[in-house]
């Protein structure tokens, strides 16, 4: 019996760790159910949140042949560099609404 004592201690220790981990998981699940937090699988399948806006290029109303070169953040706006379809230009877009708030035309 003395030879098996270290193995017995390891088994008892691992059993305690498993019980503690199971208790933590059960408490977390019950707490989420009580507080009404959505499960991650529901959040992933629910689609876009109210804070997300889907922007499309047709909202920019640019001439045919235009294409976006780059998009950068400028303060609380997006700057969109567009070339083709006329002179190169930079549009400033409000990401919350999708509206163009300003435009710079690049001249020669």
N, C-alpha and C. Protein backbone atom coordinates (compact mmCIF):
# COMPACT_ATOMS: atom_id res chain seq x y z
N UNK A 1 0.82 -1.20 0.00
CA UNK A 1 0.00 0.00 0.00
C UNK A 1 0.86 1.26 0.00
N UNK A 2 2.02 1.19 0.61
CA UNK A 2 2.91 2.34 0.69
C UNK A 2 3.43 2.73 -0.68
N UNK A 3 3.61 1.77 -1.61
CA UNK A 3 4.08 2.08 -2.96
C UNK A 3 3.03 2.86 -3.76
N UNK A 4 1.79 2.64 -3.51
CA UNK A 4 0.71 3.26 -4.27
C UNK A 4 0.26 4.60 -3.69
N UNK A 5 0.85 5.01 -2.59
CA UNK A 5 0.42 6.25 -1.94
C UNK A 5 0.56 7.48 -2.85
N UNK A 6 1.69 7.69 -3.56
CA UNK A 6 1.77 8.86 -4.45
C UNK A 6 0.71 8.84 -5.56
N UNK A 7 0.46 7.67 -6.12
CA UNK A 7 -0.56 7.54 -7.16
C UNK A 7 -1.95 7.86 -6.59
N UNK A 8 -2.21 7.40 -5.38
CA UNK A 8 -3.48 7.68 -4.73
C UNK A 8 -3.66 9.18 -4.50
N UNK A 9 -2.60 9.88 -4.11
CA UNK A 9 -2.65 11.33 -3.90
C UNK A 9 -2.94 12.06 -5.22
N UNK A 10 -2.33 11.61 -6.30
CA UNK A 10 -2.55 12.23 -7.61
C UNK A 10 -4.01 12.04 -8.03
N UNK A 11 -4.53 10.85 -7.87
CA UNK A 11 -5.91 10.56 -8.25
C UNK A 11 -6.88 11.39 -7.42
N UNK A 12 -6.64 11.51 -6.14
CA UNK A 12 -7.51 12.33 -5.29
C UNK A 12 -7.42 13.80 -5.70
N UNK A 13 -6.21 14.28 -5.97
CA UNK A 13 -6.02 15.67 -6.39
C UNK A 13 -6.74 15.96 -7.70
N UNK A 14 -6.61 15.08 -8.68
CA UNK A 14 -7.28 15.27 -9.96
C UNK A 14 -8.80 15.20 -9.81
N UNK A 15 -9.28 14.37 -8.93
CA UNK A 15 -10.72 14.29 -8.68
C UNK A 15 -11.25 15.60 -8.12
N UNK A 16 -10.48 16.21 -7.21
CA UNK A 16 -10.88 17.50 -6.65
C UNK A 16 -10.89 18.57 -7.73
N UNK A 17 -9.87 18.59 -8.61
CA UNK A 17 -9.81 19.57 -9.70
C UNK A 17 -11.00 19.40 -10.63
N UNK A 18 -11.36 18.18 -10.97
CA UNK A 18 -12.50 17.93 -11.85
C UNK A 18 -13.79 18.41 -11.20
N UNK A 19 -13.97 18.15 -9.90
CA UNK A 19 -15.17 18.62 -9.21
C UNK A 19 -15.24 20.14 -9.18
N UNK A 20 -14.12 20.81 -8.93
CA UNK A 20 -14.11 22.27 -8.91
C UNK A 20 -14.43 22.84 -10.30
N UNK A 21 -13.83 22.28 -11.33
CA UNK A 21 -14.08 22.77 -12.69
C UNK A 21 -15.54 22.57 -13.09
N UNK A 22 -16.10 21.44 -12.74
CA UNK A 22 -17.51 21.18 -13.04
C UNK A 22 -18.41 22.16 -12.30
N UNK A 23 -18.08 22.45 -11.07
CA UNK A 23 -18.87 23.40 -10.28
C UNK A 23 -18.81 24.79 -10.91
N UNK A 24 -17.64 25.22 -11.35
CA UNK A 24 -17.50 26.54 -11.98
C UNK A 24 -18.34 26.62 -13.25
N UNK A 25 -18.31 25.58 -14.07
CA UNK A 25 -19.08 25.58 -15.32
C UNK A 25 -20.57 25.64 -15.02
N UNK A 26 -21.03 24.86 -14.06
CA UNK A 26 -22.45 24.85 -13.72
C UNK A 26 -22.89 26.22 -13.19
N UNK A 27 -22.09 26.81 -12.31
CA UNK A 27 -22.42 28.13 -11.77
C UNK A 27 -22.48 29.16 -12.89
N UNK A 28 -21.53 29.12 -13.83
CA UNK A 28 -21.50 30.07 -14.95
C UNK A 28 -22.76 29.92 -15.83
N UNK A 29 -23.13 28.70 -16.15
CA UNK A 29 -24.31 28.46 -16.98
C UNK A 29 -25.58 28.95 -16.27
N UNK A 30 -25.72 28.64 -15.01
CA UNK A 30 -26.90 29.08 -14.26
C UNK A 30 -26.94 30.60 -14.17
N UNK A 31 -25.79 31.22 -13.92
CA UNK A 31 -25.73 32.69 -13.84
C UNK A 31 -26.13 33.32 -15.17
N UNK A 32 -25.65 32.78 -16.30
CA UNK A 32 -26.02 33.31 -17.61
C UNK A 32 -27.51 33.14 -17.90
N UNK A 33 -28.07 32.03 -17.47
CA UNK A 33 -29.50 31.80 -17.68
C UNK A 33 -30.32 32.80 -16.85
N UNK A 34 -29.91 33.02 -15.61
CA UNK A 34 -30.65 33.92 -14.73
C UNK A 34 -30.55 35.36 -15.20
N UNK A 35 -29.36 35.81 -15.60
CA UNK A 35 -29.18 37.20 -16.01
C UNK A 35 -29.63 37.45 -17.45
N UNK A 36 -29.92 36.41 -18.20
CA UNK A 36 -30.44 36.58 -19.55
C UNK A 36 -29.40 36.86 -20.60
N UNK A 37 -28.15 36.54 -20.35
CA UNK A 37 -27.12 36.73 -21.37
C UNK A 37 -27.34 35.74 -22.50
N UNK A 38 -27.26 36.21 -23.76
CA UNK A 38 -27.46 35.28 -24.87
C UNK A 38 -26.30 34.30 -24.99
N UNK A 39 -26.61 33.12 -25.44
CA UNK A 39 -25.56 32.14 -25.68
C UNK A 39 -24.79 32.52 -26.93
N UNK A 40 -23.54 32.09 -27.02
CA UNK A 40 -22.71 32.47 -28.17
C UNK A 40 -23.26 31.89 -29.46
N UNK A 41 -23.87 30.73 -29.43
CA UNK A 41 -24.41 30.16 -30.66
C UNK A 41 -25.60 30.97 -31.16
N UNK A 42 -26.39 31.51 -30.25
CA UNK A 42 -27.51 32.34 -30.66
C UNK A 42 -27.03 33.66 -31.23
N UNK A 43 -26.00 34.26 -30.62
CA UNK A 43 -25.50 35.54 -31.10
C UNK A 43 -24.88 35.41 -32.48
N UNK A 44 -24.21 34.30 -32.74
CA UNK A 44 -23.57 34.12 -34.04
C UNK A 44 -24.60 33.92 -35.14
N UNK A 45 -25.73 33.31 -34.82
CA UNK A 45 -26.72 33.01 -35.86
C UNK A 45 -27.79 34.09 -35.98
N UNK A 46 -27.78 35.09 -35.11
CA UNK A 46 -28.85 36.07 -35.13
C UNK A 46 -28.67 37.13 -36.20
N UNK A 47 -27.53 37.20 -36.86
CA UNK A 47 -27.31 38.18 -37.92
C UNK A 47 -26.69 39.44 -37.37
N UNK A 48 -26.77 40.53 -38.15
CA UNK A 48 -26.13 41.78 -37.74
C UNK A 48 -26.79 42.38 -36.50
N UNK A 49 -25.98 42.99 -35.67
CA UNK A 49 -26.51 43.67 -34.50
C UNK A 49 -27.02 45.04 -34.92
N UNK A 50 -27.79 45.72 -34.10
CA UNK A 50 -28.30 47.04 -34.47
C UNK A 50 -27.20 48.06 -34.73
N UNK A 51 -26.00 47.84 -34.18
CA UNK A 51 -24.91 48.79 -34.36
C UNK A 51 -24.20 48.63 -35.70
N UNK A 52 -24.46 47.57 -36.44
CA UNK A 52 -23.78 47.36 -37.71
C UNK A 52 -24.63 47.88 -38.85
N UNK A 53 -23.95 48.50 -39.81
CA UNK A 53 -24.60 49.04 -41.00
C UNK A 53 -23.94 48.39 -42.20
N UNK A 54 -24.72 47.86 -43.09
CA UNK A 54 -24.17 47.28 -44.30
C UNK A 54 -24.11 48.37 -45.37
N UNK A 55 -22.91 48.77 -45.78
CA UNK A 55 -22.74 49.79 -46.80
C UNK A 55 -22.53 49.11 -48.15
N UNK A 56 -23.08 49.69 -49.17
CA UNK A 56 -22.86 49.18 -50.51
C UNK A 56 -22.26 50.29 -51.36
N UNK A 57 -21.52 49.91 -52.41
CA UNK A 57 -20.86 50.92 -53.23
C UNK A 57 -21.84 51.77 -54.00
N UNK A 58 -23.05 51.29 -54.26
CA UNK A 58 -24.01 52.11 -54.99
C UNK A 58 -24.50 53.28 -54.15
N UNK A 59 -24.27 53.27 -52.85
CA UNK A 59 -24.65 54.41 -52.01
C UNK A 59 -23.74 55.60 -52.28
N UNK A 60 -22.56 55.37 -52.85
CA UNK A 60 -21.63 56.46 -53.11
C UNK A 60 -21.98 57.22 -54.38
N UNK A 61 -22.80 56.67 -55.24
CA UNK A 61 -23.26 57.33 -56.47
C UNK A 61 -22.12 57.93 -57.27
N UNK A 62 -21.18 57.12 -57.67
CA UNK A 62 -20.03 57.57 -58.45
C UNK A 62 -20.22 57.19 -59.91
N UNK A 63 -19.54 57.92 -60.82
CA UNK A 63 -19.68 57.62 -62.25
C UNK A 63 -19.16 56.22 -62.60
N UNK A 64 -19.64 55.71 -63.72
CA UNK A 64 -19.18 54.40 -64.19
C UNK A 64 -17.68 54.44 -64.41
N UNK A 65 -17.00 53.36 -64.11
CA UNK A 65 -15.55 53.27 -64.26
C UNK A 65 -14.80 53.65 -62.99
N UNK A 66 -15.51 54.10 -61.97
CA UNK A 66 -14.87 54.46 -60.70
C UNK A 66 -14.56 53.20 -59.91
N UNK A 67 -13.46 53.23 -59.18
CA UNK A 67 -13.19 52.14 -58.27
C UNK A 67 -12.46 52.66 -57.04
N UNK A 68 -12.67 51.96 -55.93
CA UNK A 68 -12.09 52.35 -54.65
C UNK A 68 -10.64 51.88 -54.61
N UNK A 69 -9.74 52.82 -54.31
CA UNK A 69 -8.32 52.50 -54.18
C UNK A 69 -8.00 52.11 -52.74
N UNK A 70 -8.48 52.91 -51.80
CA UNK A 70 -8.21 52.63 -50.39
C UNK A 70 -9.28 53.26 -49.52
N UNK A 71 -9.44 52.70 -48.33
CA UNK A 71 -10.35 53.25 -47.32
C UNK A 71 -9.56 53.39 -46.03
N UNK A 72 -9.64 54.56 -45.40
CA UNK A 72 -8.92 54.82 -44.15
C UNK A 72 -9.86 55.50 -43.17
N UNK A 73 -9.56 55.33 -41.89
CA UNK A 73 -10.30 56.03 -40.86
C UNK A 73 -9.71 57.40 -40.62
N UNK A 74 -10.58 58.42 -40.58
CA UNK A 74 -10.16 59.79 -40.28
C UNK A 74 -11.11 60.33 -39.22
N UNK A 75 -10.65 60.36 -37.98
CA UNK A 75 -11.54 60.76 -36.89
C UNK A 75 -12.70 59.80 -36.78
N UNK A 76 -13.92 60.33 -36.86
CA UNK A 76 -15.10 59.47 -36.81
C UNK A 76 -15.67 59.22 -38.20
N UNK A 77 -14.89 59.49 -39.22
CA UNK A 77 -15.30 59.29 -40.62
C UNK A 77 -14.39 58.29 -41.32
N UNK A 78 -14.83 57.82 -42.47
CA UNK A 78 -14.00 57.01 -43.35
C UNK A 78 -13.63 57.86 -44.55
N UNK A 79 -12.37 57.82 -44.95
CA UNK A 79 -11.98 58.49 -46.19
C UNK A 79 -11.83 57.41 -47.24
N UNK A 80 -12.46 57.63 -48.37
CA UNK A 80 -12.48 56.65 -49.46
C UNK A 80 -11.83 57.30 -50.67
N UNK A 81 -10.66 56.80 -51.08
CA UNK A 81 -9.97 57.32 -52.26
C UNK A 81 -10.51 56.58 -53.47
N UNK A 82 -11.03 57.34 -54.43
CA UNK A 82 -11.64 56.77 -55.63
C UNK A 82 -10.93 57.35 -56.84
N UNK A 83 -10.61 56.48 -57.80
CA UNK A 83 -10.11 56.98 -59.07
C UNK A 83 -10.87 56.32 -60.20
N UNK A 84 -10.72 56.90 -61.40
CA UNK A 84 -11.50 56.44 -62.54
C UNK A 84 -12.84 57.13 -62.57
N UNK A 85 -13.44 57.21 -63.74
CA UNK A 85 -14.74 57.85 -63.86
C UNK A 85 -14.68 59.35 -63.65
N UNK A 86 -13.54 59.96 -63.93
CA UNK A 86 -13.35 61.39 -63.72
C UNK A 86 -12.09 61.61 -62.91
N UNK A 87 -11.91 62.82 -62.38
CA UNK A 87 -10.71 63.08 -61.59
C UNK A 87 -10.69 62.24 -60.31
N UNK A 88 -9.49 61.96 -59.81
CA UNK A 88 -9.39 61.24 -58.54
C UNK A 88 -10.03 62.09 -57.44
N UNK A 89 -10.62 61.43 -56.47
CA UNK A 89 -11.32 62.15 -55.43
C UNK A 89 -11.31 61.35 -54.13
N UNK A 90 -11.47 62.08 -53.05
CA UNK A 90 -11.57 61.47 -51.72
C UNK A 90 -12.95 61.81 -51.17
N UNK A 91 -13.70 60.79 -50.79
CA UNK A 91 -15.01 60.98 -50.18
C UNK A 91 -14.89 60.72 -48.69
N UNK A 92 -15.54 61.54 -47.90
CA UNK A 92 -15.60 61.34 -46.46
C UNK A 92 -16.99 60.81 -46.14
N UNK A 93 -17.03 59.60 -45.56
CA UNK A 93 -18.29 58.90 -45.33
C UNK A 93 -18.50 58.72 -43.84
N UNK A 94 -19.72 59.01 -43.39
CA UNK A 94 -20.10 58.74 -42.00
C UNK A 94 -20.46 57.25 -41.91
N UNK A 95 -19.67 56.45 -41.18
CA UNK A 95 -19.96 55.02 -41.15
C UNK A 95 -21.26 54.66 -40.45
N UNK A 96 -21.76 55.53 -39.60
CA UNK A 96 -23.01 55.24 -38.89
C UNK A 96 -24.21 55.34 -39.81
N UNK A 97 -24.16 56.27 -40.77
CA UNK A 97 -25.32 56.48 -41.65
C UNK A 97 -25.06 56.05 -43.09
N UNK A 98 -23.79 56.02 -43.50
CA UNK A 98 -23.45 55.70 -44.88
C UNK A 98 -23.50 56.90 -45.80
N UNK A 99 -23.77 58.09 -45.27
CA UNK A 99 -23.86 59.29 -46.09
C UNK A 99 -22.49 59.92 -46.33
N UNK A 100 -22.30 60.46 -47.52
CA UNK A 100 -21.08 61.19 -47.85
C UNK A 100 -21.18 62.57 -47.21
N UNK A 101 -20.21 62.89 -46.33
CA UNK A 101 -20.25 64.17 -45.61
C UNK A 101 -19.33 65.21 -46.22
N UNK A 102 -18.47 64.80 -47.13
CA UNK A 102 -17.56 65.75 -47.78
C UNK A 102 -16.82 65.07 -48.92
N UNK A 103 -16.22 65.91 -49.79
CA UNK A 103 -15.52 65.36 -50.96
C UNK A 103 -14.36 66.29 -51.31
N UNK A 104 -13.22 65.69 -51.61
CA UNK A 104 -12.07 66.45 -52.13
C UNK A 104 -11.79 65.96 -53.54
N UNK A 105 -11.70 66.89 -54.48
CA UNK A 105 -11.35 66.53 -55.84
C UNK A 105 -9.86 66.80 -56.03
N UNK A 106 -9.14 65.85 -56.56
CA UNK A 106 -7.72 66.00 -56.79
C UNK A 106 -7.51 66.55 -58.19
N UNK A 107 -7.01 67.79 -58.29
CA UNK A 107 -6.82 68.43 -59.59
C UNK A 107 -5.42 68.23 -60.11
N UNK A 108 -5.21 68.70 -61.34
CA UNK A 108 -3.90 68.58 -61.97
C UNK A 108 -3.09 69.82 -61.78
